[in-house]
Amino acid sequence: IDVGGESTRPGANPVDECEEIARVVPVIKALVADGALISVDTRNAAVMRASISAGARIVNDVTALTGSKSAMDVVAGSEVDVVLMHMQGEPGTMQIRPSYKNVVEEVGAYLASRISACEVAGIPKSRIAVDPGIGFGKTLQHNIELVAKLDTLHSLGTPVVLGTSRKHFIGQISGVEFAPERTFGSVAAVLAARAKGVQIFRVHDVLETLQALSVWEAIADAC
């Protein structure tokens, strides 16, 4: 379960780290006590530290451990896994004019550089996963191209994480404005990404996604 105390959707404002800690730590403690494996979605080192102490086993950072000066040290000094995500800009302004010469190559190169930085800091590749950051400083066409070519990220040597669930680009494609009504489009994106070998999906509609993946896997395995 991925727990976050700060929205990083386009246009979102930062949350004070003390407030973020107050939001996530009680939830993490309760879920860990229930036996859940917890990922904390944060870009703040202090929140990472508090969440790890509360039992979180994964740090999911939209800034790929660049948002806080000590974020890298916090993860390197623990035994937690980390998800490194690509984002062009920052949440408040990232969707104003996102621009790339080649979005697939640039996202891949950035993630490769962050993996290398982690390894230098003492975080082995076995504890790292990467996320192309769908919707984080990308246009509709950028998002579509990234999902279509997700298999290129496997050359990085880490699991690939994808978060497309209910996102704006699905609404743009389908014409569905209300995010909670984008379940079918979200599941379609997961199946397209699974066909490209993506291993980990961050979703809202868990049961629906699992049902679709179970059918897809059974058919794919029979081929």
Protein backbone atom coordinates (compact mmCIF):
# COMPACT_ATOMS: atom_id res chain seq x y z
CA ILE A 1 0.00 0.00 0.00
CA ASP A 2 1.39 3.38 -1.05
CA VAL A 3 0.78 6.08 1.59
CA GLY A 4 1.24 9.78 0.81
CA GLY A 5 0.60 12.96 2.75
CA GLU A 6 1.27 15.49 -0.02
CA SER A 7 -0.39 15.80 -3.40
CA THR A 8 2.04 16.03 -6.31
CA ARG A 9 -0.61 16.34 -9.01
CA PRO A 10 -0.15 19.18 -11.53
CA GLY A 11 -0.51 22.57 -9.86
CA ALA A 12 -0.31 21.20 -6.32
CA ASN A 13 1.31 23.27 -3.57
CA PRO A 14 3.94 21.85 -1.19
CA VAL A 15 2.91 20.60 2.26
CA ASP A 16 4.87 21.47 5.41
CA GLU A 17 6.97 18.42 6.34
CA CYS A 18 5.67 18.39 9.93
CA GLU A 19 2.12 18.28 8.60
CA GLU A 20 3.08 15.58 6.12
CA ILE A 21 4.60 13.47 8.92
CA ALA A 22 1.49 13.95 11.05
CA ARG A 23 -0.66 12.73 8.15
CA VAL A 24 1.29 9.61 7.17
CA VAL A 25 2.95 8.17 10.27
CA PRO A 26 -0.23 7.11 12.16
CA VAL A 27 -1.58 5.50 8.97
CA ILE A 28 1.69 3.65 8.31
CA LYS A 29 1.86 2.36 11.89
CA ALA A 30 -1.71 1.09 11.75
CA LEU A 31 -1.26 -0.64 8.39
CA VAL A 32 2.07 -2.20 9.40
CA ALA A 33 0.41 -3.54 12.56
CA ASP A 34 -2.15 -5.14 10.24
CA GLY A 35 0.61 -6.87 8.28
CA ALA A 36 0.69 -4.63 5.21
CA LEU A 37 3.81 -3.88 3.17
CA ILE A 38 4.01 -0.09 3.05
CA SER A 39 5.49 2.30 0.54
CA VAL A 40 5.71 5.97 1.53
CA ASP A 41 5.15 8.45 -1.29
CA THR A 42 7.26 11.48 -0.34
CA ARG A 43 10.05 13.75 -1.57
CA ASN A 44 11.02 14.98 1.90
CA ALA A 45 13.91 13.37 3.80
CA ALA A 46 12.39 14.00 7.23
CA VAL A 47 9.17 12.27 6.15
CA MET A 48 11.17 9.36 4.75
CA ARG A 49 13.05 8.98 8.03
CA ALA A 50 9.88 9.11 10.15
CA SER A 51 8.03 6.73 7.84
CA ILE A 52 10.88 4.19 7.83
CA SER A 53 10.92 4.32 11.64
CA ALA A 54 7.16 3.69 11.55
CA GLY A 55 7.67 0.56 9.43
CA ALA A 56 7.59 1.65 5.76
CA ARG A 57 9.73 -0.65 3.60
CA ILE A 58 9.71 1.31 0.33
CA VAL A 59 10.35 4.98 -0.45
CA ASN A 60 8.52 6.19 -3.55
CA ASP A 61 10.00 9.57 -4.53
CA VAL A 62 8.74 11.66 -7.46
CA THR A 63 12.06 13.56 -7.43
CA ALA A 64 14.24 10.42 -7.57
CA LEU A 65 15.96 11.40 -4.29
CA THR A 66 16.81 14.94 -5.45
CA GLY A 67 14.06 16.83 -3.61
CA SER A 68 15.82 16.90 -0.22
CA LYS A 69 19.55 17.24 0.41
CA SER A 70 19.64 14.27 2.79
CA ALA A 71 17.11 12.03 1.02
CA MET A 72 19.82 9.90 -0.57
CA ASP A 73 21.56 9.45 2.78
CA VAL A 74 18.30 8.45 4.51
CA VAL A 75 17.64 5.67 1.98
CA ALA A 76 21.29 4.59 1.78
CA GLY A 77 21.46 4.34 5.58
CA SER A 78 18.42 2.07 5.75
CA GLU A 79 17.48 -1.24 4.19
CA VAL A 80 14.40 0.04 2.34
CA ASP A 81 13.79 -0.21 -1.38
CA VAL A 82 13.32 2.94 -3.46
CA VAL A 83 11.30 3.94 -6.53
CA LEU A 84 13.05 6.60 -8.61
CA MET A 85 10.60 8.59 -10.73
CA HIS A 86 11.21 10.99 -13.60
CA MET A 87 9.62 14.42 -13.41
CA GLN A 88 10.34 17.45 -15.60
CA GLY A 89 10.09 20.51 -13.35
CA GLU A 90 8.07 20.46 -10.13
CA PRO A 91 4.38 19.82 -9.43
CA GLY A 92 3.36 23.47 -9.32
CA THR A 93 4.56 24.24 -12.85
CA MET A 94 5.44 20.94 -14.57
CA GLN A 95 2.46 20.93 -16.94
CA ILE A 96 2.82 24.48 -18.22
CA ARG A 97 5.07 23.73 -21.22
CA PRO A 98 6.72 20.30 -21.00
CA SER A 99 9.25 19.86 -23.79
CA TYR A 100 11.59 17.08 -24.99
CA LYS A 101 13.60 16.36 -28.10
CA ASN A 102 13.06 12.63 -27.54
CA VAL A 103 10.99 11.85 -24.46
CA VAL A 104 11.81 8.13 -24.32
CA GLU A 105 15.56 8.65 -24.60
CA GLU A 106 15.62 11.57 -22.16
CA VAL A 107 13.55 9.83 -19.50
CA GLY A 108 15.68 6.69 -19.83
CA ALA A 109 18.93 8.67 -19.58
CA TYR A 110 17.72 10.53 -16.50
CA LEU A 111 16.69 7.35 -14.72
CA ALA A 112 20.03 5.72 -15.62
CA SER A 113 21.85 8.68 -14.07
CA ARG A 114 19.80 8.44 -10.88
CA ILE A 115 20.47 4.69 -10.60
CA SER A 116 24.20 5.42 -10.90
CA ALA A 117 23.98 8.14 -8.25
CA CYS A 118 22.24 5.72 -5.89
CA GLU A 119 24.84 3.03 -6.44
CA VAL A 120 27.64 5.52 -5.70
CA ALA A 121 25.82 6.46 -2.48
CA GLY A 122 25.63 2.81 -1.42
CA ILE A 123 22.15 1.84 -2.59
CA PRO A 124 22.51 -1.37 -4.63
CA LYS A 125 20.54 -1.81 -7.84
CA SER A 126 18.71 -4.73 -6.20
CA ARG A 127 16.88 -2.17 -4.02
CA ILE A 128 15.93 0.15 -6.89
CA ALA A 129 12.92 0.37 -9.22
CA VAL A 130 12.22 3.09 -11.79
CA ASP A 131 9.07 4.96 -12.82
CA PRO A 132 8.86 7.02 -16.06
CA GLY A 133 6.53 9.49 -14.33
CA ILE A 134 3.46 9.46 -16.53
CA GLY A 135 1.76 12.87 -16.27
CA PHE A 136 4.70 14.51 -14.50
CA GLY A 137 5.90 17.16 -16.93
CA LYS A 138 4.57 15.39 -20.02
CA THR A 139 2.02 16.16 -22.71
CA LEU A 140 -0.59 13.65 -23.89
CA GLN A 141 1.69 12.57 -26.74
CA HIS A 142 4.67 12.20 -24.39
CA ASN A 143 2.61 9.94 -22.12
CA ILE A 144 1.37 7.78 -24.98
CA GLU A 145 4.88 7.42 -26.43
CA LEU A 146 6.36 6.45 -23.06
CA VAL A 147 3.74 3.76 -22.42
CA ALA A 148 4.16 2.44 -25.97
CA LYS A 149 7.94 2.10 -25.50
CA LEU A 150 8.17 1.03 -21.86
CA ASP A 151 10.16 -2.03 -22.84
CA THR A 152 13.18 0.23 -23.50
CA LEU A 153 13.46 0.83 -19.74
CA HIS A 154 14.30 -2.82 -19.08
CA SER A 155 17.86 -2.12 -20.23
CA LEU A 156 18.33 -0.21 -16.95
CA GLY A 157 18.35 -3.52 -15.08
CA THR A 158 15.68 -2.69 -12.51
CA PRO A 159 11.97 -3.40 -12.15
CA VAL A 160 9.73 -0.83 -13.85
CA VAL A 161 6.90 0.80 -11.90
CA LEU A 162 3.99 2.45 -13.68
CA GLY A 163 1.34 4.81 -12.31
CA THR A 164 -1.31 5.61 -14.92
CA SER A 165 -4.40 5.03 -12.78
CA ARG A 166 -7.17 7.60 -13.36
CA LYS A 167 -4.70 10.14 -14.71
CA HIS A 168 -5.57 13.13 -16.87
CA PHE A 169 -4.17 11.64 -20.08
CA ILE A 170 -6.71 8.80 -19.82
CA GLY A 171 -9.45 11.39 -19.58
CA GLN A 172 -8.00 13.21 -22.60
CA ILE A 173 -8.06 10.03 -24.67
CA SER A 174 -11.45 8.74 -23.50
CA GLY A 175 -13.31 11.99 -22.94
CA VAL A 176 -14.07 11.02 -19.33
CA GLU A 177 -13.66 14.13 -17.19
CA PHE A 178 -14.42 12.71 -13.72
CA ALA A 179 -11.31 10.84 -12.52
CA PRO A 180 -13.08 8.06 -10.53
CA GLU A 181 -14.92 7.08 -13.73
CA ARG A 182 -11.66 6.32 -15.59
CA THR A 183 -11.38 2.73 -14.34
CA PHE A 184 -11.74 1.09 -17.75
CA GLY A 185 -9.13 3.35 -19.33
CA SER A 186 -6.82 2.78 -16.39
CA VAL A 187 -7.08 -1.00 -16.74
CA ALA A 188 -6.46 -0.73 -20.48
CA ALA A 189 -3.23 1.19 -19.80
CA VAL A 190 -2.10 -1.48 -17.33
CA LEU A 191 -2.66 -4.27 -19.85
CA ALA A 192 -0.77 -2.35 -22.55
CA ALA A 193 2.12 -1.83 -20.13
CA ARG A 194 2.08 -5.45 -18.97
CA ALA A 195 2.53 -6.47 -22.58
CA LYS A 196 5.70 -4.35 -22.50
CA GLY A 197 6.98 -6.27 -19.47
CA VAL A 198 6.18 -3.79 -16.69
CA GLN A 199 6.33 -5.57 -13.33
CA ILE A 200 4.75 -3.18 -10.80
CA PHE A 201 1.60 -1.09 -11.09
CA ARG A 202 0.34 1.67 -8.81
CA VAL A 203 -3.47 1.61 -9.07
CA HIS A 204 -6.63 2.76 -7.34
CA ASP A 205 -8.94 0.03 -8.66
CA VAL A 206 -7.14 -3.04 -7.33
CA LEU A 207 -9.78 -5.73 -7.81
CA GLU A 208 -10.64 -4.66 -11.34
CA THR A 209 -6.97 -4.50 -12.32
CA LEU A 210 -6.19 -7.90 -10.79
CA GLN A 211 -9.12 -9.49 -12.63
CA ALA A 212 -7.99 -8.06 -15.95
CA LEU A 213 -4.37 -9.06 -15.38
CA SER A 214 -5.36 -12.60 -14.39
CA VAL A 215 -7.21 -13.07 -17.67
CA TRP A 216 -4.42 -11.43 -19.69
CA GLU A 217 -1.73 -13.58 -18.05
CA ALA A 218 -3.68 -16.80 -18.62
CA ILE A 219 -4.08 -16.02 -22.32
CA ALA A 220 -0.48 -14.82 -22.72
CA ASP A 221 0.86 -17.95 -21.02
CA ALA A 222 -1.12 -20.17 -23.42
CA CYS A 223 0.42 -18.58 -26.52
